[in-house]
Protein backbone atom coordinates (compact mmCIF):
# COMPACT_ATOMS: atom_id res chain seq x y z
CA MET A 1 25.63 -56.42 -17.99
CA GLU A 2 26.79 -59.68 -16.17
CA LYS A 3 27.19 -57.93 -13.06
CA ALA A 4 23.68 -56.59 -13.16
CA VAL A 5 22.23 -60.12 -13.72
CA ALA A 6 24.28 -61.61 -11.09
CA VAL A 7 22.88 -58.80 -8.70
CA ALA A 8 19.26 -59.47 -9.77
CA VAL A 9 19.75 -63.10 -9.27
CA LEU A 10 21.42 -62.63 -5.65
CA PHE A 11 18.46 -60.29 -4.75
CA SER A 12 15.73 -62.66 -5.94
CA VAL A 13 17.28 -65.72 -4.07
CA ALA A 14 17.49 -63.70 -0.72
CA ALA A 15 14.12 -62.47 -1.25
CA LEU A 16 12.75 -66.05 -1.67
CA PHE A 17 14.45 -67.19 1.57
CA LEU A 18 13.04 -64.15 3.52
CA VAL A 19 9.70 -62.95 2.35
CA SER A 20 7.95 -66.23 3.65
CA PRO A 21 8.49 -65.84 7.46
CA ALA A 22 7.93 -68.69 9.87
CA ARG A 23 4.24 -69.67 9.86
CA SER A 24 1.81 -71.18 12.48
CA ASP A 25 0.01 -74.39 11.61
CA ALA A 26 -2.80 -72.49 9.86
CA SER A 27 -0.78 -70.93 7.31
CA ASP A 28 -3.66 -68.78 5.85
CA HIS A 29 -4.64 -67.36 9.45
CA ARG A 30 -8.33 -67.94 8.89
CA TYR A 31 -10.42 -69.70 11.39
CA LYS A 32 -14.01 -70.80 12.17
CA GLU A 33 -15.61 -70.61 15.50
CA GLY A 34 -14.08 -73.25 17.88
CA ASP A 35 -11.22 -74.03 15.59
CA VAL A 36 -7.67 -74.45 17.38
CA VAL A 37 -5.50 -71.47 16.88
CA PRO A 38 -1.68 -72.36 17.39
CA LEU A 39 -0.12 -71.12 20.63
CA TYR A 40 3.34 -71.82 21.32
CA ALA A 41 5.56 -71.14 24.31
CA ASN A 42 8.90 -69.83 23.16
CA LYS A 43 11.30 -68.94 25.93
CA VAL A 44 11.97 -67.35 29.41
CA GLY A 45 14.77 -65.41 30.67
CA PRO A 46 16.20 -62.31 32.59
CA PHE A 47 14.57 -59.17 31.22
CA HIS A 48 17.84 -57.23 31.19
CA ASN A 49 19.80 -60.10 29.59
CA PRO A 50 18.26 -60.58 26.13
CA SER A 51 20.86 -63.20 25.10
CA GLU A 52 20.19 -65.36 28.11
CA THR A 53 17.02 -67.27 27.30
CA TYR A 54 15.96 -70.62 28.32
CA ARG A 55 13.27 -73.13 27.15
CA TYR A 56 10.00 -72.36 28.54
CA PHE A 57 9.76 -75.67 30.26
CA ASP A 58 13.12 -75.22 31.92
CA LEU A 59 10.87 -73.63 34.71
CA PRO A 60 8.53 -76.14 36.23
CA PHE A 61 5.26 -74.73 34.46
CA CYS A 62 2.27 -77.21 33.79
CA ILE A 63 3.37 -79.46 30.74
CA PRO A 64 0.64 -80.12 28.13
CA ASP A 65 -0.50 -83.64 27.43
CA HIS A 66 0.47 -83.72 23.79
CA MET A 67 3.58 -81.44 23.70
CA LYS A 68 5.09 -81.00 20.38
CA GLU A 69 8.09 -78.97 19.19
CA LYS A 70 7.65 -76.67 16.28
CA ARG A 71 10.13 -77.00 13.31
CA GLU A 72 11.93 -73.76 13.03
CA ALA A 73 13.85 -72.06 10.19
CA LEU A 74 17.43 -71.36 10.32
CA GLY A 75 16.96 -67.70 11.27
CA GLU A 76 14.71 -68.79 14.25
CA VAL A 77 17.24 -71.12 15.77
CA LEU A 78 20.01 -68.63 15.31
CA ASN A 79 17.75 -66.00 17.26
CA GLY A 80 17.42 -68.50 20.10
CA ASP A 81 13.74 -69.35 19.44
CA ARG A 82 12.52 -72.72 20.59
CA LEU A 83 8.71 -73.01 20.14
CA VAL A 84 6.75 -75.82 21.92
CA SER A 85 3.15 -76.31 22.46
CA ALA A 86 1.84 -74.11 25.30
CA PRO A 87 -0.35 -75.52 28.25
CA TYR A 88 -3.13 -73.05 27.35
CA THR A 89 -6.02 -73.61 24.80
CA LEU A 90 -7.36 -70.56 22.99
CA ASP A 91 -9.79 -71.88 20.63
CA PHE A 92 -11.26 -69.17 18.19
CA GLN A 93 -13.98 -67.20 19.76
CA LYS A 94 -14.34 -69.46 22.63
CA GLU A 95 -14.38 -67.67 25.99
CA LYS A 96 -13.11 -69.12 29.39
CA GLU A 97 -13.39 -67.98 32.84
CA SER A 98 -10.72 -69.09 35.41
CA GLU A 99 -10.04 -72.49 33.58
CA ALA A 100 -7.64 -74.55 35.39
CA VAL A 101 -4.56 -75.65 33.56
CA CYS A 102 -3.19 -77.96 36.19
CA LYS A 103 -2.59 -78.39 40.06
CA LYS A 104 0.94 -78.97 41.11
CA LYS A 105 2.58 -79.53 44.35
CA LEU A 106 6.00 -77.50 43.94
CA THR A 107 8.91 -79.16 45.63
CA LYS A 108 11.51 -77.09 47.57
CA GLU A 109 13.93 -77.19 44.68
CA GLU A 110 11.07 -76.13 42.22
CA VAL A 111 10.16 -73.22 44.49
CA ALA A 112 13.67 -72.20 44.69
CA ARG A 113 14.06 -72.24 40.78
CA PHE A 114 10.94 -70.05 40.49
CA ARG A 115 12.18 -67.56 43.19
CA ALA A 116 15.67 -67.32 41.41
CA ALA A 117 13.87 -66.48 38.29
CA VAL A 118 11.46 -63.82 39.93
CA ILE A 119 14.59 -62.27 41.49
CA LYS A 120 16.12 -61.96 38.09
CA ASP A 121 13.02 -60.37 36.49
CA TYR A 122 12.32 -63.34 34.32
CA TYR A 123 9.75 -62.82 31.45
CA PHE A 124 7.98 -65.36 29.23
CA GLN A 125 7.38 -65.13 25.45
CA MET A 126 4.67 -66.95 23.44
CA TYR A 127 3.38 -66.71 19.96
CA TYR A 128 -0.31 -66.90 19.18
CA ASP A 129 -1.12 -67.17 15.56
CA ASP A 130 2.45 -65.76 14.96
CA LEU A 131 1.46 -62.61 17.24
CA PRO A 132 4.08 -62.10 20.09
CA ILE A 133 2.89 -62.43 23.72
CA TRP A 134 5.05 -61.05 26.57
CA GLY A 135 4.62 -61.08 30.43
CA PHE A 136 6.76 -61.42 33.68
CA ILE A 137 6.26 -64.63 35.60
CA GLY A 138 6.34 -63.07 39.01
CA LYS A 139 6.98 -59.92 41.19
CA VAL A 140 9.18 -58.86 44.18
CA ASN A 141 7.54 -56.98 47.04
CA LYS A 142 10.43 -54.69 48.52
CA GLU A 143 8.35 -53.80 51.68
CA GLY A 144 11.44 -53.65 53.94
CA ARG A 145 14.76 -51.76 53.33
CA ASP A 146 16.75 -55.04 53.86
CA PRO A 147 16.82 -57.64 51.10
CA SER A 148 16.15 -60.24 53.70
CA ASP A 149 12.52 -58.59 54.18
CA TYR A 150 11.66 -58.92 50.64
CA LYS A 151 8.80 -61.25 49.40
CA TYR A 152 8.58 -63.16 46.17
CA PHE A 153 5.61 -64.05 44.36
CA LEU A 154 4.65 -66.17 41.26
CA TYR A 155 1.75 -65.19 39.01
CA LYS A 156 -0.64 -68.13 38.69
CA HIS A 157 -3.55 -66.54 36.65
CA ILE A 158 -3.10 -65.06 33.04
CA HIS A 159 -5.94 -63.11 31.32
CA PHE A 160 -5.81 -63.25 27.56
CA ASP A 161 -7.48 -60.55 25.72
CA VAL A 162 -8.00 -61.50 21.96
CA PHE A 163 -9.30 -59.15 19.34
CA TYR A 164 -10.59 -60.61 16.02
CA ASN A 165 -11.87 -59.22 12.82
CA LYS A 166 -14.24 -61.72 11.12
CA ASP A 167 -12.33 -64.97 10.75
CA ARG A 168 -8.87 -63.57 11.65
CA VAL A 169 -7.00 -62.96 14.98
CA ILE A 170 -5.82 -59.29 14.99
CA GLU A 171 -4.33 -58.69 18.43
CA ILE A 172 -3.60 -60.49 21.69
CA ASN A 173 -2.81 -59.00 25.10
CA ALA A 174 -1.65 -61.05 28.22
CA ARG A 175 -1.80 -59.74 31.69
CA THR A 176 -1.22 -61.50 34.89
CA ASP A 177 -3.61 -61.28 37.92
CA PRO A 178 -1.98 -59.19 40.62
CA ASN A 179 -4.20 -60.72 43.25
CA SER A 180 -3.71 -64.26 42.22
CA LEU A 181 -0.22 -65.02 43.63
CA VAL A 182 1.79 -67.88 44.97
CA ASP A 183 4.32 -67.05 47.96
CA LEU A 184 7.83 -68.30 47.08
CA THR A 185 9.63 -66.61 49.80
CA GLU A 186 10.33 -69.61 52.02
CA ASP A 187 11.94 -72.93 51.05
CA LYS A 188 9.00 -75.23 51.49
CA GLU A 189 6.59 -77.31 49.39
CA VAL A 190 3.78 -75.23 47.84
CA ASP A 191 0.46 -76.16 46.39
CA VAL A 192 -0.47 -74.19 43.34
CA GLU A 193 -3.27 -74.08 40.73
CA PHE A 194 -2.31 -72.44 37.36
CA MET A 195 -5.38 -70.86 35.79
CA TYR A 196 -6.20 -68.79 32.74
CA THR A 197 -9.11 -66.56 31.40
CA VAL A 198 -9.95 -65.74 27.68
CA LYS A 199 -11.92 -62.90 26.53
CA TRP A 200 -12.79 -62.21 22.90
CA LYS A 201 -13.36 -58.72 21.34
CA GLU A 202 -14.23 -57.79 17.96
CA THR A 203 -12.23 -55.06 16.25
CA SER A 204 -12.29 -53.22 12.94
CA THR A 205 -8.62 -53.24 12.39
CA PRO A 206 -7.65 -55.18 9.08
CA PHE A 207 -5.52 -58.16 9.23
CA GLU A 208 -2.81 -56.29 6.98
CA LYS A 209 -2.24 -53.81 9.73
CA ARG A 210 -2.19 -56.11 12.75
CA MET A 211 1.63 -55.80 13.08
CA ASP A 212 1.56 -52.07 12.93
CA LYS A 213 1.21 -51.69 16.74
CA TYR A 214 4.65 -53.31 17.22
CA SER A 215 6.40 -50.78 14.98
CA GLN A 216 4.55 -47.59 16.27
CA SER A 217 6.63 -47.47 19.46
CA SER A 218 9.73 -46.39 17.39
CA SER A 219 7.60 -43.93 15.29
CA LEU A 220 6.35 -41.91 18.27
CA PRO A 221 6.87 -38.07 17.82
CA HIS A 222 9.47 -37.65 20.65
CA HIS A 223 11.39 -40.65 19.25
CA LEU A 224 11.24 -39.23 15.63
CA GLU A 225 12.37 -35.77 16.93
CA ILE A 226 15.45 -37.36 18.38
CA HIS A 227 16.03 -39.19 15.03
CA TRP A 228 15.72 -36.19 12.97
CA PHE A 229 17.91 -34.39 15.33
CA SER A 230 20.60 -37.14 14.72
CA ILE A 231 20.32 -36.58 11.05
CA ILE A 232 20.55 -32.85 11.28
CA ASN A 233 23.57 -33.23 13.56
CA SER A 234 25.22 -35.48 11.03
CA CYS A 235 24.32 -33.32 8.03
CA VAL A 236 25.99 -30.40 9.65
CA THR A 237 29.01 -32.52 10.33
CA VAL A 238 28.99 -33.42 6.51
CA LEU A 239 28.53 -29.95 5.45
CA LEU A 240 31.27 -28.41 7.58
CA LEU A 241 33.66 -31.14 6.54
CA THR A 242 32.82 -30.81 2.78
CA GLY A 243 33.03 -27.15 3.21
CA PHE A 244 36.52 -27.52 4.73
CA LEU A 245 37.65 -29.61 2.19
CA ALA A 246 36.23 -27.70 -0.76
CA THR A 247 37.64 -24.40 0.43
CA ILE A 248 40.99 -25.64 1.96
CA LEU A 249 41.98 -28.57 -0.11
CA MET A 250 40.87 -27.07 -3.47
CA ARG A 251 42.49 -23.90 -2.76
CA VAL A 252 45.77 -25.37 -1.44
CA LEU A 253 45.64 -27.94 -4.52
CA LYS A 254 45.12 -24.99 -6.90
CA ASN A 255 48.16 -23.16 -5.51
CA ASP A 256 50.15 -26.52 -5.66
CA PHE A 257 49.35 -26.90 -9.28
CA VAL A 258 50.28 -23.36 -10.11
CA LYS A 259 53.43 -23.40 -8.05
CA TYR A 260 54.64 -26.83 -9.60
CA ALA A 261 53.80 -25.58 -13.24
CA HIS A 262 55.80 -22.38 -12.52
CA ASP A 263 58.58 -24.45 -11.13
CA GLU A 264 58.87 -26.47 -14.34
CA GLU A 265 58.94 -23.33 -16.46
CA SER A 266 61.80 -21.69 -14.30
CA ALA A 267 64.92 -23.54 -13.00
CA GLU A 268 64.98 -27.08 -14.17
CA ASP A 269 67.42 -27.91 -11.27
CA GLN A 270 65.44 -26.42 -8.45
CA GLU A 271 64.64 -29.05 -5.67
CA GLU A 272 61.17 -30.19 -5.51
CA THR A 273 59.03 -29.88 -2.24
CA GLY A 274 55.77 -31.24 -1.04
CA TRP A 275 53.62 -33.99 -2.45
CA LYS A 276 55.11 -33.61 -5.79
CA TYR A 277 58.49 -34.52 -4.44
CA ILE A 278 57.52 -38.10 -3.66
CA HIS A 279 55.86 -38.94 -7.05
CA GLY A 280 58.33 -41.62 -7.68
CA ASP A 281 57.33 -43.33 -4.39
CA VAL A 282 53.62 -42.71 -3.98
CA PHE A 283 52.51 -45.58 -6.16
CA ARG A 284 55.10 -48.02 -4.65
CA TYR A 285 53.09 -51.12 -3.61
CA PRO A 286 52.50 -51.56 0.22
CA LYS A 287 54.10 -54.26 2.39
CA TYR A 288 51.95 -57.36 3.10
CA LYS A 289 50.23 -56.83 -0.28
CA SER A 290 48.30 -60.22 0.13
CA LEU A 291 46.86 -59.24 3.47
CA PHE A 292 45.90 -55.74 2.19
CA ALA A 293 44.19 -57.27 -1.03
CA SER A 294 42.34 -59.64 1.49
CA GLY A 295 41.16 -56.69 3.68
CA LEU A 296 39.83 -54.98 0.55
CA GLY A 297 38.10 -58.19 -0.79
CA SER A 298 36.40 -58.69 2.73
CA GLY A 299 35.59 -55.05 3.02
CA THR A 300 33.79 -54.88 -0.43
CA GLN A 301 31.85 -58.18 0.55
CA LEU A 302 30.68 -56.72 3.80
CA PHE A 303 29.79 -53.31 2.12
CA THR A 304 27.75 -55.28 -0.48
CA LEU A 305 25.98 -57.37 2.32
CA THR A 306 25.22 -54.11 4.19
CA VAL A 307 23.64 -52.68 0.99
CA PHE A 308 21.47 -55.70 0.32
CA ILE A 309 20.28 -55.77 4.01
CA PHE A 310 19.29 -52.18 3.62
CA ILE A 311 17.38 -52.69 0.53
CA LEU A 312 15.49 -55.89 2.27
CA ALA A 313 14.68 -53.60 5.15
CA LEU A 314 13.49 -50.77 2.99
CA VAL A 315 11.06 -53.02 1.14
CA GLY A 316 9.66 -54.26 4.37
CA VAL A 317 10.98 -57.78 4.92
CA PHE A 318 12.10 -57.00 8.36
CA TYR A 319 8.84 -56.17 10.03
CA PRO A 320 8.68 -56.56 13.93
CA TYR A 321 8.60 -60.16 15.09
CA ASN A 322 9.33 -61.70 11.55
CA ARG A 323 11.31 -64.28 13.58
CA GLY A 324 14.91 -64.88 12.40
CA ALA A 325 14.48 -63.00 9.11
CA LEU A 326 17.54 -60.87 9.72
CA PHE A 327 19.70 -63.75 10.79
CA THR A 328 18.48 -65.84 7.73
CA ALA A 329 19.31 -62.80 5.50
CA LEU A 330 22.88 -62.35 6.92
CA VAL A 331 23.73 -65.88 6.36
CA VAL A 332 22.28 -66.30 2.93
CA ILE A 333 23.49 -62.95 1.50
CA TYR A 334 27.11 -63.47 2.97
CA ALA A 335 27.25 -66.82 1.43
CA LEU A 336 25.99 -65.56 -2.00
CA THR A 337 28.33 -62.44 -1.99
CA SER A 338 31.52 -64.34 -1.27
CA GLY A 339 32.38 -64.28 -4.87
CA ILE A 340 32.62 -60.46 -4.79
CA ALA A 341 35.24 -60.96 -1.90
CA GLY A 342 37.29 -63.47 -4.03
CA TYR A 343 37.16 -61.25 -7.29
CA THR A 344 38.15 -58.05 -5.72
CA SER A 345 40.95 -59.46 -3.53
CA ALA A 346 42.46 -61.71 -6.40
CA SER A 347 42.05 -58.86 -9.07
CA PHE A 348 43.70 -56.24 -6.74
CA TYR A 349 46.30 -58.71 -5.61
CA CYS A 350 47.36 -59.27 -9.15
CA GLN A 351 47.41 -55.66 -9.99
CA LEU A 352 49.94 -55.32 -7.08
CA GLU A 353 52.15 -57.96 -9.04
CA GLY A 354 51.30 -60.64 -6.42
CA THR A 355 51.97 -64.24 -7.59
CA ASN A 356 50.63 -66.52 -4.76
CA TRP A 357 46.94 -65.91 -5.57
CA VAL A 358 45.62 -69.17 -3.91
CA ARG A 359 47.19 -68.31 -0.61
CA ASN A 360 45.62 -64.71 -1.04
CA LEU A 361 42.16 -66.48 -1.59
CA LEU A 362 42.59 -68.52 1.49
CA LEU A 363 43.41 -65.42 3.55
CA THR A 364 40.27 -63.56 2.12
CA GLY A 365 38.12 -66.53 3.17
CA CYS A 366 39.51 -66.63 6.66
CA LEU A 367 40.00 -62.89 7.41
CA PHE A 368 36.37 -62.15 8.66
CA CYS A 369 35.09 -65.89 9.17
CA GLY A 370 38.13 -66.94 11.07
CA PRO A 371 37.70 -64.63 14.08
CA LEU A 372 34.06 -64.93 13.83
CA PHE A 373 34.26 -68.79 13.86
CA LEU A 374 36.49 -68.71 16.88
CA THR A 375 34.25 -66.39 18.71
CA PHE A 376 31.16 -68.29 17.95
CA CYS A 377 33.06 -71.65 19.23
CA PHE A 378 33.63 -69.87 22.45
CA LEU A 379 30.30 -68.36 23.03
CA ASN A 380 28.28 -71.38 21.95
CA THR A 381 30.27 -73.44 24.45
CA VAL A 382 29.28 -70.77 27.17
CA ALA A 383 25.77 -71.14 25.97
CA ILE A 384 25.83 -74.97 26.29
CA VAL A 385 27.26 -74.73 29.91
CA TYR A 386 24.31 -72.34 30.74
CA THR A 387 21.83 -74.56 28.78
CA ALA A 388 20.47 -71.63 27.09
CA THR A 389 18.46 -71.47 23.87
CA ALA A 390 21.44 -69.54 22.18
CA ALA A 391 23.26 -72.72 22.19
CA LEU A 392 22.93 -74.13 18.56
CA PRO A 393 21.87 -77.58 17.96
CA PHE A 394 24.22 -79.95 16.17
CA GLY A 395 21.98 -80.02 13.04
CA THR A 396 22.06 -76.13 12.64
CA ILE A 397 25.88 -76.02 12.99
CA LEU A 398 26.01 -78.71 10.30
CA VAL A 399 23.63 -76.67 8.00
CA ILE A 400 25.98 -73.58 8.35
CA VAL A 401 28.94 -75.74 7.74
CA LEU A 402 27.35 -76.99 4.47
CA ILE A 403 26.45 -73.72 3.42
CA TRP A 404 30.09 -72.41 3.97
CA THR A 405 31.47 -75.58 2.19
CA LEU A 406 28.95 -75.74 -0.77
CA VAL A 407 28.23 -72.22 -1.41
CA THR A 408 30.57 -69.81 0.14
CA SER A 409 33.91 -71.45 -0.67
CA PRO A 410 33.01 -72.40 -4.22
CA LEU A 411 31.89 -69.00 -4.99
CA LEU A 412 34.96 -67.44 -3.41
CA VAL A 413 37.18 -69.51 -5.64
CA LEU A 414 35.18 -68.90 -8.77
CA GLY A 415 35.37 -65.11 -7.97
CA GLY A 416 39.12 -65.42 -7.33
CA ILE A 417 39.77 -67.19 -10.65
CA ALA A 418 37.67 -64.42 -12.31
CA GLY A 419 39.70 -61.83 -10.62
CA LYS A 420 43.07 -63.47 -11.57
CA ASN A 421 42.04 -63.70 -15.30
CA SER A 422 40.56 -60.16 -15.43
CA LYS A 423 44.17 -58.94 -16.47
CA ALA A 424 43.44 -55.55 -15.00
CA GLU A 425 46.54 -53.34 -14.56
CA PHE A 426 47.15 -50.82 -11.78
CA GLN A 427 46.77 -47.49 -13.25
CA ALA A 428 49.61 -45.45 -11.70
CA PRO A 429 50.02 -41.87 -13.39
CA CYS A 430 53.71 -41.75 -12.36
CA ARG A 431 56.58 -44.27 -12.71
CA THR A 432 57.82 -45.73 -9.50
CA THR A 433 61.59 -45.31 -8.86
CA LYS A 434 63.79 -48.18 -8.07
CA TYR A 435 64.79 -47.15 -4.49
CA PRO A 436 62.31 -45.76 -1.88
CA ARG A 437 62.93 -42.09 -0.65
CA GLU A 438 63.72 -41.90 3.02
CA ILE A 439 60.68 -40.53 4.99
CA PRO A 440 61.66 -37.39 6.91
CA ALA A 441 61.30 -37.33 10.78
CA LEU A 442 57.78 -36.34 11.48
CA PRO A 443 56.02 -34.87 14.80
CA TRP A 444 54.00 -37.34 17.00
CA TYR A 445 50.59 -36.29 15.98
CA ARG A 446 51.43 -37.48 12.35
CA GLY A 447 51.88 -40.92 13.41
CA THR A 448 49.38 -43.75 12.63
CA VAL A 449 47.65 -43.90 15.94
CA PRO A 450 47.06 -40.20 16.46
CA GLN A 451 45.78 -39.93 12.78
CA MET A 452 43.53 -42.81 13.29
CA ALA A 453 41.84 -41.31 16.44
CA MET A 454 41.40 -38.11 14.43
CA ALA A 455 39.89 -40.07 11.43
CA GLY A 456 37.61 -42.03 13.45
CA PHE A 457 36.10 -39.33 15.66
CA LEU A 458 34.22 -37.51 13.03
CA PRO A 459 32.37 -40.21 11.37
CA PHE A 460 31.48 -41.63 14.94
CA SER A 461 30.08 -38.34 15.99
CA ALA A 462 27.85 -38.31 13.15
CA ILE A 463 26.24 -41.74 14.15
CA TYR A 464 26.47 -42.02 17.84
CA ILE A 465 22.94 -40.73 18.53
CA GLU A 466 21.39 -43.46 16.21
CA LEU A 467 23.70 -45.97 17.77
CA TYR A 468 21.77 -45.99 21.08
CA TYR A 469 18.55 -46.87 19.34
CA ILE A 470 20.19 -49.79 17.43
CA PHE A 471 21.91 -50.96 20.52
CA ALA A 472 18.56 -50.85 22.60
CA SER A 473 17.07 -52.90 19.79
CA VAL A 474 19.71 -55.48 19.22
CA TRP A 475 20.61 -55.95 23.10
CA GLY A 476 17.35 -54.93 24.44
CA HIS A 477 13.61 -55.23 23.84
CA ARG A 478 13.02 -51.86 21.83
CA ILE A 479 11.69 -52.25 18.37
CA TYR A 480 13.66 -50.47 15.50
CA THR A 481 11.77 -49.95 12.30
CA ILE A 482 12.90 -46.58 10.89
CA TYR A 483 15.18 -48.13 8.35
CA SER A 484 14.85 -45.07 6.12
CA ILE A 485 16.62 -42.81 8.63
CA LEU A 486 19.31 -45.42 9.35
CA PHE A 487 19.90 -45.62 5.61
CA ILE A 488 20.46 -41.92 5.63
CA VAL A 489 22.71 -42.16 8.48
CA PHE A 490 24.80 -44.89 6.71
CA ILE A 491 25.18 -42.71 3.65
CA ILE A 492 26.27 -39.90 5.87
CA LEU A 493 28.81 -42.27 7.63
CA LEU A 494 30.29 -43.34 4.24
CA ILE A 495 30.70 -39.71 2.86
CA VAL A 496 32.42 -38.53 6.19
CA THR A 497 34.66 -41.59 6.23
CA ALA A 498 35.68 -40.98 2.54
CA PHE A 499 36.44 -37.19 3.11
CA ILE A 500 38.30 -37.28 6.39
CA THR A 501 40.56 -40.11 4.92
CA VAL A 502 41.35 -37.96 1.83
CA ALA A 503 42.10 -35.01 3.88
CA LEU A 504 44.36 -36.97 6.06
CA THR A 505 46.03 -38.61 3.11
CA TYR A 506 46.74 -35.41 1.43
CA PHE A 507 48.27 -33.91 4.63
CA GLN A 508 50.34 -37.11 4.92
CA LEU A 509 51.70 -36.66 1.42
CA THR A 510 52.46 -33.02 1.84
CA ALA A 511 54.64 -34.24 4.73
CA GLU A 512 56.52 -36.23 2.11
CA ASP A 513 55.40 -39.40 3.73
CA HIS A 514 54.59 -41.71 0.81
CA GLU A 515 53.35 -44.89 2.87
CA TRP A 516 49.58 -43.89 2.55
CA TRP A 517 48.13 -47.20 1.41
CA TRP A 518 47.94 -48.85 4.89
CA ARG A 519 47.43 -45.60 6.57
CA SER A 520 44.34 -44.67 4.57
CA PHE A 521 42.75 -48.13 5.19
CA LEU A 522 43.47 -48.03 9.08
CA CYS A 523 42.31 -44.46 9.22
CA GLY A 524 39.02 -45.30 7.37
CA GLY A 525 38.42 -48.20 9.46
CA SER A 526 39.16 -46.61 12.78
CA THR A 527 35.30 -45.77 13.36
CA GLY A 528 34.97 -49.35 14.16
CA LEU A 529 37.30 -48.97 17.20
CA PHE A 530 35.16 -45.90 18.30
CA ILE A 531 31.96 -47.99 18.01
CA TYR A 532 33.61 -50.77 20.20
CA ALA A 533 34.55 -48.15 22.86
CA TYR A 534 30.85 -47.01 22.69
CA CYS A 535 30.10 -50.77 23.63
CA LEU A 536 31.84 -50.18 26.99
CA TYR A 537 30.01 -47.00 27.77
CA TYR A 538 26.66 -48.60 26.69
CA TYR A 539 27.37 -51.75 28.86
CA TYR A 540 28.13 -49.76 31.83
CA ALA A 541 26.15 -46.61 31.69
CA ARG A 542 23.01 -47.42 29.50
CA SER A 543 22.20 -51.06 30.16
CA ASP A 544 21.39 -53.38 33.20
CA MET A 545 23.08 -56.47 31.52
CA SER A 546 24.85 -58.71 34.07
CA GLY A 547 26.22 -62.22 34.38
CA PHE A 548 29.12 -63.82 32.48
CA MET A 549 27.06 -65.29 29.64
CA GLN A 550 25.53 -61.90 28.72
CA THR A 551 28.79 -60.01 29.07
CA SER A 552 30.52 -62.49 26.97
CA PHE A 553 27.79 -62.50 24.30
CA PHE A 554 27.71 -58.67 24.18
CA PHE A 555 31.41 -57.96 23.99
CA GLY A 556 32.14 -61.04 21.94
CA TYR A 557 29.86 -60.56 19.05
CA MET A 558 30.17 -56.73 19.14
CA ALA A 559 33.84 -57.18 18.63
CA CYS A 560 33.02 -59.18 15.43
CA ILE A 561 30.58 -56.60 14.38
CA CYS A 562 33.02 -53.81 15.00
CA TYR A 563 35.75 -55.56 13.02
CA GLY A 564 33.43 -55.90 10.11
CA PHE A 565 32.75 -52.09 10.36
CA PHE A 566 36.61 -51.64 10.38
CA LEU A 567 37.05 -53.78 7.17
CA MET A 568 34.27 -52.02 5.45
CA LEU A 569 34.97 -48.55 6.24
CA GLY A 570 38.71 -49.11 5.71
CA THR A 571 37.87 -50.22 2.01
CA VAL A 572 35.79 -47.15 1.76
CA GLY A 573 38.60 -44.95 3.05
CA PHE A 574 41.29 -46.42 0.95
CA ARG A 575 39.15 -46.40 -2.42
CA ALA A 576 38.41 -42.72 -1.71
CA SER A 577 42.06 -42.07 -1.13
CA LEU A 578 43.18 -44.07 -4.14
CA LEU A 579 40.84 -41.87 -6.42
CA PHE A 580 42.10 -38.62 -4.92
CA VAL A 581 45.78 -39.63 -5.27
CA ARG A 582 45.49 -40.84 -8.77
CA HIS A 583 43.59 -37.47 -9.49
CA ILE A 584 46.17 -35.20 -8.21
CA TYR A 585 49.32 -36.96 -9.68
CA ARG A 586 47.40 -37.02 -13.13
CA SER A 587 47.27 -33.28 -12.94
CA ILE A 588 50.82 -32.77 -12.82
CA LYS A 589 53.73 -33.61 -15.07
CA CYS A 590 55.78 -36.52 -13.53
CA GLU A 591 59.21 -37.10 -14.94
């Protein structure tokens, strides 16, 4: 009952943080004719490097007279959003034709900056009444084959087409005028007049459905066909695997049970073989039990975090362009679930007759956060050197440190104390002998690394089609909204991981190798290593990312995500194996 209440409280707190996204100044989104509708310029950056974004006015655009920065929520800052007043004024239902923003004489240095941006396919992003606007800042004319013959142009005229329904803004599109260009090819001063045109059109689309057009791209029929193919492919994998386990394992186990029962009735001094032979060693506690318990605690916390994120996604919190909602959710829920890590780790550590539970708790707190913090420090330094918006301000870093100090750490300690006092005992069906048996010499393919390769391949094959769409969303500009399909794939991933780990644990025990604890954890988590290998393939074969900053961000943060998957799936693999091992040894008489 207490756990159910805790879960309900956790979910409601997370929902409070998330359901109210960052709002424009007019929080009710209702306007009268002539009212000022908030328009914010967000950022600019190379189209193929989504992490490498800069402040809008890092490029020498026209600066408005009364420029103000918008206060952002934690998730928005983590997402690299830096909203400031845009140089354009789009009053409600007020049309404008070729309105001048400003006239500027671009210096040689400013021309060079704009040209470098055009070469790298820079785009701009703005928000009008919380609706996103995208566009490119210029274009390259590749008339000659030689790059020295290329011509570089800056767009100086933007057309805004705004759709409204009664007193609400429903949709906005920005297009650049291909005939209104400034030549940036040569290093010389250039006079430029930036202009914009605004057209208003009425639409019948209701306000509640104005974000639908952004999510429809991932629900197009040909995309859905690929997603369903992915699920069918995964389901076939699961069915084949479960069929294999049901027929082979159950038949083999049944034969084992019959054989061992027959052996007990016949000669008492007959030597035991197979997995029964090691019944006195199979529940011998693993080496480095503090680290093992910490891995289980962190894995359980990350599993809980993932489940809560899926729940929030399925109820519609993460709609497209709800700026920073996912980052806010990750920070808040991770902080609130740290008690689960402390409880699981300390409880299991005490079951394994560990004594130094304080050190175990410290290890649990640092096992995932430690590598993540070191990665963040390095990547934030890189972002600061690049002056990119991905560099977190000191205030935001302070907020995260305070959350970790005042929420995460106390909950971890409270969970640890509850786990230590839970007095749960490790339920081993067989007594453990005083001295361990020697493990017989085994062929190379029964080693840890080959077994991990076998264990990770099947779960990875069940999810790799869906991985492309997730990568294209996180490390690109695609929008991913089919969370129901992703949830099904996640369930399949868990089932396949559990089954393959159980199968490999059984074969390990039949080979009279009783050191299955760490092996089951490593085999379960090995899918994380396959996902990281897929990162290499995606970077070089499926994306156009380039530059030190984008490369370091991609491989740095993906290493942390894959490490998180390793801990989470390792926990799933071990828990499944533990249930299986307990079941088979309960079914025979152990002396």
